[in-house]
Amino acid sequence: MLGQMRGFWKEQNRERRERTQAEVEAAQARQAEAHAYWDRHKAAVKQQWATRTTGRGQTMVADIAEVAAQWHQDNGARSEDVSATADRREVPYLWQCPLGLGHEPWRATPKDRVLRGAGCPSCRQLIRLVDISTLAAQYRGPARVSDMNYAAHERVPWTCRTWAVDPRTVLGGRSSTILKP
C-alpha cells in the first residue's frame, strides 16, 4: 500500500511540475513579447522626436504617433492641445496600454512618455501568480493571488496538494477525497 501511495504521489507531482513549467514558459513568452514591444516603442518614439519638424515647444503629443495612439479618452484635454514636453506633475495625463492585456490606465507626463520612452508599468511585471493556475491554487498567503508577483521573494504559506489527496480513493477508481487536518 505504501508503495502505491508513493507511486501515486510521485506521478501527481510530476504532472503538476510539468503543468507548472508549461504555464511559466507561456507567461515568460508573454513577458518577452511585451518587453520587445516596449523596446520597439521606445526606439520609434525617440526616432519620431529626433526627426520632428517643429521646434521643441511646438511639438504636441499628437505629433508623436506612437504616443498619441495611447492617449486615454478620459483626459481633460486633447492630444493636439498638449505639448510633448509638458511636465504636469500635479495631475499627469492618463495613458492606455496598447497591448490589450486588460491593464488599467496609468498616469504619466507627456515629457516622460516622449523623452524617456516610459511605457505601461503593468507590462514590466506581467507575470503574476494568478497567471500560473497550478501554483495559484496552492497559494494561501494574506495578499490576493492577483496581487502577487510570480518572482516575489516573500515567504508565503502554501498548501501541499500531494498530501491532501487520499490515494486509496483515486487508485480504487472512485473520486478523490480531501483529507481534513
Protein backbone atom coordinates (compact mmCIF):
# COMPACT_ATOMS: atom_id res chain seq x y z
CA MET A 1 0.00 0.00 0.00
CA LEU A 2 2.80 2.44 0.88
CA GLY A 3 4.46 1.72 -2.48
CA GLN A 4 1.19 2.50 -4.28
CA MET A 5 0.84 5.76 -2.35
CA ARG A 6 4.41 6.80 -3.16
CA GLY A 7 3.90 5.94 -6.82
CA PHE A 8 0.67 7.90 -6.92
CA TRP A 9 2.20 10.95 -5.23
CA LYS A 10 5.26 10.79 -7.47
CA GLU A 11 3.03 10.76 -10.58
CA GLN A 12 0.87 13.61 -9.24
CA ASN A 13 3.96 15.72 -8.53
CA ARG A 14 5.43 15.00 -11.96
CA GLU A 15 2.21 16.04 -13.71
CA ARG A 16 1.94 19.17 -11.56
CA ARG A 17 5.57 20.11 -12.25
CA GLU A 18 5.00 19.71 -15.99
CA ARG A 19 1.81 21.83 -15.91
CA THR A 20 3.53 24.48 -13.83
CA GLN A 21 6.55 24.54 -16.14
CA ALA A 22 4.29 24.94 -19.21
CA GLU A 23 2.37 27.78 -17.52
CA VAL A 24 5.61 29.53 -16.50
CA GLU A 25 7.04 29.22 -20.02
CA ALA A 26 3.84 30.65 -21.54
CA ALA A 27 3.89 33.57 -19.07
CA GLN A 28 7.58 34.21 -19.78
CA ALA A 29 6.86 34.25 -23.52
CA ARG A 30 4.13 36.87 -22.96
CA GLN A 31 6.56 38.87 -20.83
CA ALA A 32 9.24 38.70 -23.55
CA GLU A 33 6.73 39.86 -26.19
CA ALA A 34 5.68 42.80 -24.00
CA HIS A 35 9.30 43.81 -23.36
CA ALA A 36 10.09 43.56 -27.09
CA TYR A 37 7.08 45.73 -27.92
CA TRP A 38 8.08 48.44 -25.43
CA ASP A 39 11.70 48.36 -26.64
CA ARG A 40 10.47 48.93 -30.23
CA HIS A 41 8.04 51.58 -28.97
CA LYS A 42 10.82 53.48 -27.16
CA ALA A 43 13.05 53.40 -30.26
CA ALA A 44 10.20 54.59 -32.51
CA VAL A 45 9.29 57.45 -30.16
CA LYS A 46 12.92 58.58 -29.95
CA GLN A 47 13.17 58.40 -33.75
CA GLN A 48 9.98 60.46 -34.18
CA TRP A 49 11.25 63.00 -31.65
CA ALA A 50 14.65 63.27 -33.34
CA THR A 51 13.10 63.81 -36.79
CA ARG A 52 10.36 66.27 -35.76
CA THR A 53 9.97 69.32 -37.97
CA THR A 54 8.60 71.71 -35.37
CA GLY A 55 10.50 73.30 -32.52
CA ARG A 56 10.79 71.78 -29.07
CA GLY A 57 7.98 73.82 -27.50
CA GLN A 58 5.73 73.48 -30.55
CA THR A 59 5.62 69.68 -30.82
CA MET A 60 2.35 68.31 -29.50
CA VAL A 61 1.56 64.82 -28.22
CA ALA A 62 -0.49 64.21 -31.40
CA ASP A 63 2.69 64.79 -33.48
CA ILE A 64 4.30 61.68 -31.98
CA ALA A 65 2.04 58.95 -33.40
CA GLU A 66 3.27 56.12 -31.15
CA VAL A 67 2.41 58.11 -28.01
CA ALA A 68 -0.75 59.76 -29.34
CA ALA A 69 -2.26 56.32 -30.02
CA GLN A 70 -2.12 55.62 -26.27
CA TRP A 71 -3.80 58.88 -25.20
CA HIS A 72 -6.70 57.96 -22.91
CA GLN A 73 -10.16 59.31 -23.80
CA ASP A 74 -10.81 60.41 -20.18
CA ASN A 75 -8.11 63.10 -20.28
CA GLY A 76 -9.49 66.60 -19.93
CA ALA A 77 -7.53 67.81 -22.94
CA ARG A 78 -6.97 66.65 -26.49
CA SER A 79 -3.58 65.28 -27.53
CA GLU A 80 -3.44 68.02 -30.20
CA ASP A 81 -3.52 70.67 -27.45
CA VAL A 82 -0.85 69.25 -25.11
CA SER A 83 2.86 69.89 -25.60
CA ALA A 84 5.01 66.78 -25.93
CA THR A 85 7.37 68.25 -23.35
CA ALA A 86 4.66 69.14 -20.81
CA ASP A 87 5.80 68.28 -17.31
CA ARG A 88 2.49 68.47 -15.47
CA ARG A 89 3.50 66.76 -12.21
CA GLU A 90 0.47 67.66 -10.08
CA VAL A 91 -2.08 65.82 -12.28
CA PRO A 92 -0.39 63.81 -15.04
CA TYR A 93 -2.36 62.58 -18.02
CA LEU A 94 -3.87 59.12 -18.43
CA TRP A 95 -2.50 56.61 -20.95
CA GLN A 96 -3.87 53.25 -22.13
CA CYS A 97 -1.73 50.15 -22.73
CA PRO A 98 -1.95 49.24 -26.43
CA LEU A 99 -1.25 45.53 -25.91
CA GLY A 100 -4.85 44.69 -24.98
CA LEU A 101 -3.91 42.79 -21.82
CA GLY A 102 -6.57 44.48 -19.69
CA HIS A 103 -4.16 46.78 -17.85
CA GLU A 104 -5.58 49.75 -16.02
CA PRO A 105 -4.78 53.18 -17.47
CA TRP A 106 -1.72 54.76 -15.86
CA ARG A 107 -0.69 58.35 -15.18
CA ALA A 108 2.43 59.88 -16.69
CA THR A 109 3.55 63.20 -18.09
CA PRO A 110 3.96 63.62 -21.86
CA LYS A 111 7.60 64.53 -21.21
CA ASP A 112 8.21 61.12 -19.57
CA ARG A 113 6.43 59.35 -22.41
CA VAL A 114 8.23 61.19 -25.23
CA LEU A 115 11.72 61.99 -23.94
CA ARG A 116 12.24 58.96 -21.69
CA GLY A 117 10.13 56.47 -23.62
CA ALA A 118 8.23 55.42 -20.49
CA GLY A 119 5.64 52.71 -21.12
CA CYS A 120 2.96 50.74 -19.33
CA PRO A 121 4.09 49.96 -15.76
CA SER A 122 1.90 46.83 -15.66
CA CYS A 123 3.81 45.36 -18.61
CA ARG A 124 7.02 45.45 -16.56
CA GLN A 125 5.58 42.95 -14.10
CA LEU A 126 3.44 40.94 -16.44
CA ILE A 127 3.89 37.55 -14.78
CA ARG A 128 1.59 37.33 -11.79
CA LEU A 129 0.91 34.30 -9.66
CA VAL A 130 -2.67 34.25 -10.93
CA ASP A 131 -1.26 33.52 -14.43
CA ILE A 132 0.13 30.22 -13.17
CA SER A 133 -3.03 28.45 -12.08
CA THR A 134 -1.28 25.36 -10.72
CA LEU A 135 0.62 27.49 -8.20
CA ALA A 136 -2.24 29.92 -7.62
CA ALA A 137 -4.43 27.04 -6.42
CA GLN A 138 -1.86 26.23 -3.72
CA TYR A 139 -1.21 29.81 -2.57
CA ARG A 140 -2.54 30.62 0.92
CA GLY A 141 -0.91 33.98 1.62
CA PRO A 142 -2.53 37.08 3.09
CA ALA A 143 -2.42 39.11 -0.17
CA ARG A 144 -4.74 38.40 -3.08
CA VAL A 145 -3.31 35.96 -5.59
CA SER A 146 -3.79 38.57 -8.35
CA ASP A 147 -1.50 40.97 -6.44
CA MET A 148 1.38 38.51 -6.08
CA ASN A 149 4.29 38.71 -8.50
CA TYR A 150 5.45 35.31 -9.77
CA ALA A 151 9.09 36.06 -8.91
CA ALA A 152 8.44 37.59 -5.48
CA HIS A 153 10.99 36.78 -2.82
CA GLU A 154 8.48 36.82 0.02
CA ARG A 155 7.81 33.85 2.26
CA VAL A 156 4.15 32.88 1.97
CA PRO A 157 2.11 29.85 3.10
CA TRP A 158 1.25 27.13 0.58
CA THR A 159 -0.96 24.06 0.61
CA CYS A 160 0.76 20.84 -0.39
CA ARG A 161 -1.68 19.16 -2.78
CA THR A 162 0.16 15.84 -2.68
CA TRP A 163 -0.61 15.19 0.97
CA ALA A 164 -4.19 16.47 0.68
CA VAL A 165 -5.30 13.64 -1.62
CA ASP A 166 -6.20 10.22 -0.30
CA PRO A 167 -4.67 7.86 -2.89
CA ARG A 168 -6.85 4.90 -1.84
CA THR A 169 -9.94 6.55 -3.29
CA VAL A 170 -8.18 7.64 -6.51
CA LEU A 171 -6.48 4.31 -7.11
CA GLY A 172 -9.70 2.48 -6.39
CA GLY A 173 -11.46 4.21 -9.29
CA ARG A 174 -13.64 6.40 -7.12
CA SER A 175 -13.41 10.18 -6.88
CA SER A 176 -10.72 11.63 -4.65
CA THR A 177 -11.48 12.99 -1.21
CA ILE A 178 -9.73 15.78 0.61
CA LEU A 179 -8.35 14.86 3.99
CA LYS A 180 -9.05 17.38 6.72
CA PRO A 181 -6.32 18.06 9.25
